[in-house]
């Protein structure tokens, strides 16, 4: 059983497994609104995790490109113009912050 609170339009705004003062009714766990509420919540959590992972991967890819170019494996000019511009912007921003040092947390053992 879940305790729920609705807005003026009748939409769920809060769902809890335990009673709370603002709860206006209870719904069973198999009720379609409860199922939709938790499905939506799971999707939001997954999207937040994916966004965080994207930010972390950007740094990994940026570091990888820097290593590959510094070793002469690829040249920045091998990349499309739009990618070159973005890399240049990131390189300038990183240099303004002190280069590549201090970007990897002390507890991280390497790039990957």
N, C-alpha and C. Protein backbone atom coordinates (compact mmCIF):
# COMPACT_ATOMS: atom_id res chain seq x y z
N UNK A 1 0.85 -1.18 0.00
CA UNK A 1 0.00 0.00 0.00
C UNK A 1 0.89 1.24 0.00
N UNK A 2 0.54 2.21 -0.82
CA UNK A 2 1.29 3.45 -0.91
C UNK A 2 0.39 4.63 -0.54
N UNK A 3 0.98 5.59 0.13
CA UNK A 3 0.29 6.82 0.52
C UNK A 3 0.63 7.87 -0.53
N UNK A 4 -0.41 8.53 -1.03
CA UNK A 4 -0.19 9.47 -2.12
C UNK A 4 -0.80 10.83 -1.82
N UNK A 5 -0.25 11.80 -2.52
CA UNK A 5 -0.77 13.17 -2.47
C UNK A 5 -0.98 13.61 -3.92
N UNK A 6 -2.07 14.28 -4.18
CA UNK A 6 -2.40 14.74 -5.53
C UNK A 6 -2.42 16.27 -5.58
N UNK A 7 -2.21 16.80 -6.79
CA UNK A 7 -2.33 18.24 -6.99
C UNK A 7 -3.78 18.58 -7.32
N UNK A 8 -4.06 19.84 -7.61
CA UNK A 8 -5.42 20.30 -7.88
C UNK A 8 -6.03 19.62 -9.12
N UNK A 9 -5.17 19.17 -10.04
CA UNK A 9 -5.66 18.50 -11.24
C UNK A 9 -5.81 16.99 -11.06
N UNK A 10 -5.50 16.49 -9.86
CA UNK A 10 -5.62 15.07 -9.58
C UNK A 10 -4.40 14.24 -9.93
N UNK A 11 -3.32 14.90 -10.30
CA UNK A 11 -2.08 14.20 -10.63
C UNK A 11 -1.28 13.89 -9.37
N UNK A 12 -0.62 12.75 -9.35
CA UNK A 12 0.22 12.41 -8.20
C UNK A 12 1.40 13.37 -8.12
N UNK A 13 1.65 13.86 -6.92
CA UNK A 13 2.80 14.73 -6.71
C UNK A 13 3.77 14.15 -5.69
N UNK A 14 3.29 13.17 -4.93
CA UNK A 14 4.15 12.54 -3.93
C UNK A 14 3.61 11.14 -3.66
N UNK A 15 4.52 10.18 -3.59
CA UNK A 15 4.17 8.79 -3.29
C UNK A 15 5.18 8.29 -2.28
N UNK A 16 4.68 7.73 -1.18
CA UNK A 16 5.55 7.21 -0.13
C UNK A 16 5.02 5.85 0.34
N UNK A 17 5.92 5.02 0.82
CA UNK A 17 5.53 3.71 1.35
C UNK A 17 5.01 3.82 2.78
N UNK A 18 5.34 4.92 3.46
CA UNK A 18 4.86 5.13 4.82
C UNK A 18 3.94 6.35 4.86
N UNK A 19 3.09 6.37 5.85
CA UNK A 19 2.13 7.46 5.98
C UNK A 19 2.84 8.79 6.24
N UNK A 20 2.25 9.85 5.73
CA UNK A 20 2.75 11.20 5.99
C UNK A 20 1.55 12.13 6.05
N UNK A 21 1.72 13.28 6.67
CA UNK A 21 0.61 14.18 6.99
C UNK A 21 -0.16 14.64 5.75
N UNK A 22 0.52 14.90 4.65
CA UNK A 22 -0.14 15.45 3.46
C UNK A 22 -0.80 14.40 2.58
N UNK A 23 -0.65 13.13 2.93
CA UNK A 23 -1.24 12.05 2.11
C UNK A 23 -2.75 12.19 2.11
N UNK A 24 -3.33 12.06 0.93
CA UNK A 24 -4.79 12.21 0.81
C UNK A 24 -5.50 10.89 0.56
N UNK A 25 -4.73 9.86 0.14
CA UNK A 25 -5.33 8.55 -0.11
C UNK A 25 -4.25 7.49 -0.17
N UNK A 26 -4.67 6.25 -0.27
CA UNK A 26 -3.74 5.15 -0.45
C UNK A 26 -4.08 4.40 -1.73
N UNK A 27 -3.04 3.85 -2.35
CA UNK A 27 -3.21 3.06 -3.56
C UNK A 27 -2.38 1.79 -3.43
N UNK A 28 -2.88 0.71 -4.01
CA UNK A 28 -2.15 -0.56 -3.94
C UNK A 28 -0.94 -0.50 -4.87
N UNK A 29 0.02 -1.36 -4.61
CA UNK A 29 1.25 -1.37 -5.40
C UNK A 29 1.01 -1.75 -6.85
N UNK A 30 -0.08 -2.45 -7.14
CA UNK A 30 -0.35 -2.82 -8.52
C UNK A 30 -1.26 -1.82 -9.25
N UNK A 31 -1.60 -0.73 -8.60
CA UNK A 31 -2.43 0.31 -9.23
C UNK A 31 -1.63 0.94 -10.38
N UNK A 32 -2.27 1.21 -11.50
CA UNK A 32 -1.57 1.72 -12.68
C UNK A 32 -0.86 3.04 -12.43
N UNK A 33 -1.40 3.90 -11.57
CA UNK A 33 -0.73 5.18 -11.29
C UNK A 33 0.56 4.97 -10.50
N UNK A 34 0.56 4.01 -9.60
CA UNK A 34 1.77 3.70 -8.83
C UNK A 34 2.82 3.11 -9.77
N UNK A 35 2.40 2.21 -10.63
CA UNK A 35 3.33 1.60 -11.60
C UNK A 35 3.95 2.68 -12.50
N UNK A 36 3.13 3.59 -12.98
CA UNK A 36 3.61 4.67 -13.85
C UNK A 36 4.55 5.60 -13.08
N UNK A 37 4.21 5.91 -11.83
CA UNK A 37 5.04 6.79 -11.00
C UNK A 37 6.46 6.23 -10.87
N UNK A 38 6.54 4.95 -10.51
CA UNK A 38 7.86 4.35 -10.31
C UNK A 38 8.58 4.08 -11.62
N UNK A 39 7.87 3.80 -12.68
CA UNK A 39 8.51 3.63 -13.99
C UNK A 39 9.14 4.95 -14.42
N UNK A 40 8.42 6.05 -14.20
CA UNK A 40 8.93 7.38 -14.53
C UNK A 40 10.15 7.72 -13.68
N UNK A 41 10.10 7.38 -12.40
CA UNK A 41 11.21 7.66 -11.48
C UNK A 41 12.45 6.88 -11.89
N UNK A 42 12.28 5.61 -12.27
CA UNK A 42 13.41 4.80 -12.71
C UNK A 42 14.03 5.39 -13.97
N UNK A 43 13.19 5.86 -14.88
CA UNK A 43 13.69 6.47 -16.11
C UNK A 43 14.47 7.74 -15.80
N UNK A 44 13.98 8.56 -14.88
CA UNK A 44 14.69 9.80 -14.52
C UNK A 44 16.05 9.49 -13.90
N UNK A 45 16.10 8.49 -13.04
CA UNK A 45 17.37 8.10 -12.42
C UNK A 45 18.34 7.61 -13.49
N UNK A 46 17.84 6.79 -14.40
CA UNK A 46 18.69 6.27 -15.48
C UNK A 46 19.22 7.40 -16.36
N UNK A 47 18.38 8.38 -16.67
CA UNK A 47 18.82 9.50 -17.48
C UNK A 47 19.88 10.33 -16.76
N UNK A 48 19.72 10.53 -15.46
CA UNK A 48 20.73 11.27 -14.68
C UNK A 48 22.05 10.51 -14.67
N UNK A 49 21.98 9.18 -14.50
CA UNK A 49 23.21 8.38 -14.52
C UNK A 49 23.89 8.46 -15.88
N UNK A 50 23.10 8.42 -16.94
CA UNK A 50 23.66 8.49 -18.28
C UNK A 50 24.30 9.85 -18.54
N UNK A 51 23.67 10.93 -18.07
CA UNK A 51 24.26 12.26 -18.24
C UNK A 51 25.60 12.35 -17.51
N UNK A 52 25.66 11.83 -16.29
CA UNK A 52 26.90 11.86 -15.52
C UNK A 52 27.97 11.03 -16.23
N UNK A 53 27.58 9.88 -16.74
CA UNK A 53 28.52 9.03 -17.47
C UNK A 53 29.02 9.75 -18.72
N UNK A 54 28.15 10.47 -19.41
CA UNK A 54 28.56 11.23 -20.59
C UNK A 54 29.62 12.25 -20.23
N UNK A 55 29.43 12.96 -19.13
CA UNK A 55 30.42 13.96 -18.71
C UNK A 55 31.76 13.31 -18.40
N UNK A 56 31.72 12.16 -17.75
CA UNK A 56 32.96 11.46 -17.43
C UNK A 56 33.64 10.95 -18.70
N UNK A 57 32.85 10.44 -19.65
CA UNK A 57 33.42 9.92 -20.90
C UNK A 57 34.01 11.04 -21.75
N UNK A 58 33.44 12.21 -21.69
CA UNK A 58 34.00 13.34 -22.44
C UNK A 58 35.44 13.59 -21.99
N UNK A 59 35.65 13.54 -20.69
CA UNK A 59 37.01 13.75 -20.18
C UNK A 59 37.94 12.64 -20.61
N UNK A 60 37.45 11.40 -20.59
CA UNK A 60 38.27 10.26 -21.02
C UNK A 60 38.65 10.42 -22.49
N UNK A 61 37.66 10.75 -23.32
CA UNK A 61 37.94 10.92 -24.75
C UNK A 61 38.87 12.10 -25.02
N UNK A 62 38.68 13.17 -24.27
CA UNK A 62 39.55 14.34 -24.42
C UNK A 62 40.98 13.95 -24.08
N UNK A 63 41.17 13.24 -22.97
CA UNK A 63 42.51 12.78 -22.59
C UNK A 63 43.08 11.83 -23.64
N UNK A 64 42.26 10.93 -24.15
CA UNK A 64 42.72 9.97 -25.16
C UNK A 64 43.18 10.69 -26.42
N UNK A 65 42.41 11.66 -26.87
CA UNK A 65 42.79 12.42 -28.06
C UNK A 65 44.09 13.17 -27.82
N UNK A 66 44.24 13.75 -26.63
CA UNK A 66 45.49 14.46 -26.30
C UNK A 66 46.68 13.52 -26.34
N UNK A 67 46.53 12.32 -25.79
CA UNK A 67 47.63 11.34 -25.79
C UNK A 67 47.95 10.90 -27.22
N UNK A 68 46.92 10.58 -28.00
CA UNK A 68 47.14 10.12 -29.37
C UNK A 68 47.80 11.19 -30.23
N UNK A 69 47.40 12.45 -30.05
CA UNK A 69 48.03 13.51 -30.84
C UNK A 69 49.45 13.79 -30.37
N UNK A 70 49.69 13.73 -29.07
CA UNK A 70 51.05 13.99 -28.57
C UNK A 70 52.02 12.88 -28.99
N UNK A 71 51.52 11.66 -29.19
CA UNK A 71 52.36 10.56 -29.65
C UNK A 71 52.43 10.48 -31.17
N UNK A 72 51.71 11.34 -31.88
CA UNK A 72 51.74 11.37 -33.33
C UNK A 72 50.91 10.28 -34.00
N UNK A 73 50.05 9.62 -33.24
CA UNK A 73 49.20 8.58 -33.82
C UNK A 73 48.14 9.20 -34.71
N UNK A 74 47.58 10.30 -34.28
CA UNK A 74 46.64 11.06 -35.11
C UNK A 74 47.04 12.53 -35.03
N UNK A 75 46.52 13.29 -35.97
CA UNK A 75 46.70 14.74 -35.94
C UNK A 75 45.33 15.37 -35.75
N UNK A 76 45.30 16.48 -35.10
CA UNK A 76 44.03 17.18 -34.90
C UNK A 76 43.39 17.48 -36.25
N UNK A 77 44.22 17.75 -37.25
CA UNK A 77 43.69 18.06 -38.58
C UNK A 77 43.06 16.86 -39.28
N UNK A 78 43.25 15.65 -38.71
CA UNK A 78 42.57 14.46 -39.25
C UNK A 78 41.09 14.47 -38.90
N UNK A 79 40.72 15.27 -37.94
CA UNK A 79 39.34 15.31 -37.46
C UNK A 79 38.54 16.35 -38.23
N UNK A 80 37.22 16.23 -38.25
CA UNK A 80 36.37 17.24 -38.91
C UNK A 80 36.58 18.62 -38.29
N UNK A 81 36.30 19.65 -39.05
CA UNK A 81 36.52 21.03 -38.60
C UNK A 81 35.77 21.34 -37.30
N UNK A 82 34.53 20.85 -37.19
CA UNK A 82 33.75 21.11 -35.97
C UNK A 82 34.42 20.47 -34.75
N UNK A 83 34.93 19.26 -34.92
CA UNK A 83 35.63 18.58 -33.82
C UNK A 83 36.91 19.33 -33.46
N UNK A 84 37.62 19.81 -34.47
CA UNK A 84 38.84 20.58 -34.22
C UNK A 84 38.55 21.82 -33.38
N UNK A 85 37.48 22.53 -33.74
CA UNK A 85 37.12 23.75 -33.01
C UNK A 85 36.77 23.43 -31.55
N UNK A 86 36.01 22.37 -31.34
CA UNK A 86 35.64 21.99 -29.98
C UNK A 86 36.85 21.59 -29.16
N UNK A 87 37.74 20.82 -29.79
CA UNK A 87 38.96 20.41 -29.09
C UNK A 87 39.84 21.62 -28.75
N UNK A 88 39.91 22.56 -29.66
CA UNK A 88 40.70 23.77 -29.42
C UNK A 88 40.13 24.55 -28.23
N UNK A 89 38.81 24.69 -28.21
CA UNK A 89 38.17 25.38 -27.08
C UNK A 89 38.47 24.68 -25.76
N UNK A 90 38.35 23.34 -25.75
CA UNK A 90 38.62 22.58 -24.53
C UNK A 90 40.09 22.68 -24.13
N UNK A 91 40.98 22.62 -25.13
CA UNK A 91 42.41 22.72 -24.84
C UNK A 91 42.73 24.06 -24.21
N UNK A 92 42.18 25.13 -24.76
CA UNK A 92 42.43 26.46 -24.20
C UNK A 92 41.88 26.57 -22.77
N UNK A 93 40.70 26.03 -22.55
CA UNK A 93 40.11 26.08 -21.21
C UNK A 93 40.93 25.27 -20.22
N UNK A 94 41.39 24.10 -20.64
CA UNK A 94 42.20 23.26 -19.76
C UNK A 94 43.54 23.92 -19.45
N UNK A 95 44.15 24.54 -20.46
CA UNK A 95 45.42 25.23 -20.24
C UNK A 95 45.24 26.38 -19.26
N UNK A 96 44.13 27.08 -19.36
CA UNK A 96 43.85 28.17 -18.43
C UNK A 96 43.71 27.66 -17.00
N UNK A 97 43.31 26.40 -16.87
CA UNK A 97 43.15 25.80 -15.54
C UNK A 97 44.39 25.03 -15.10
N UNK A 98 45.43 25.04 -15.89
CA UNK A 98 46.66 24.37 -15.49
C UNK A 98 46.97 23.10 -16.25
N UNK A 99 46.38 22.90 -17.38
CA UNK A 99 46.68 21.73 -18.21
C UNK A 99 45.99 20.48 -17.73
N UNK A 100 46.61 19.35 -18.01
CA UNK A 100 46.01 18.06 -17.69
C UNK A 100 46.19 17.67 -16.22
N UNK A 101 47.13 18.27 -15.52
CA UNK A 101 47.37 17.89 -14.13
C UNK A 101 46.17 18.22 -13.27
N UNK A 102 45.95 17.42 -12.29
CA UNK A 102 44.87 17.58 -11.30
C UNK A 102 43.48 17.29 -11.86
N UNK A 103 43.37 16.80 -13.09
CA UNK A 103 42.04 16.48 -13.63
C UNK A 103 41.58 15.08 -13.20
N UNK A 104 42.52 14.19 -12.96
CA UNK A 104 42.17 12.85 -12.49
C UNK A 104 42.24 12.87 -10.97
N UNK A 105 41.19 12.38 -10.34
CA UNK A 105 41.15 12.35 -8.89
C UNK A 105 42.30 11.53 -8.34
N UNK A 106 42.77 11.87 -7.16
CA UNK A 106 43.87 11.17 -6.53
C UNK A 106 43.60 9.68 -6.37
N UNK A 107 42.33 9.30 -6.14
CA UNK A 107 42.01 7.89 -5.92
C UNK A 107 41.83 7.11 -7.21
N UNK A 108 41.87 7.78 -8.37
CA UNK A 108 41.76 7.10 -9.64
C UNK A 108 43.13 6.60 -10.03
N UNK A 109 43.18 5.39 -10.59
CA UNK A 109 44.47 4.79 -10.90
C UNK A 109 44.94 5.08 -12.32
N UNK A 110 44.11 5.61 -13.18
CA UNK A 110 44.52 5.89 -14.54
C UNK A 110 43.40 6.45 -15.36
N UNK A 111 43.59 6.42 -16.66
CA UNK A 111 42.59 6.98 -17.55
C UNK A 111 41.30 6.17 -17.56
N UNK A 112 41.42 4.86 -17.53
CA UNK A 112 40.22 4.01 -17.65
C UNK A 112 40.15 3.08 -16.45
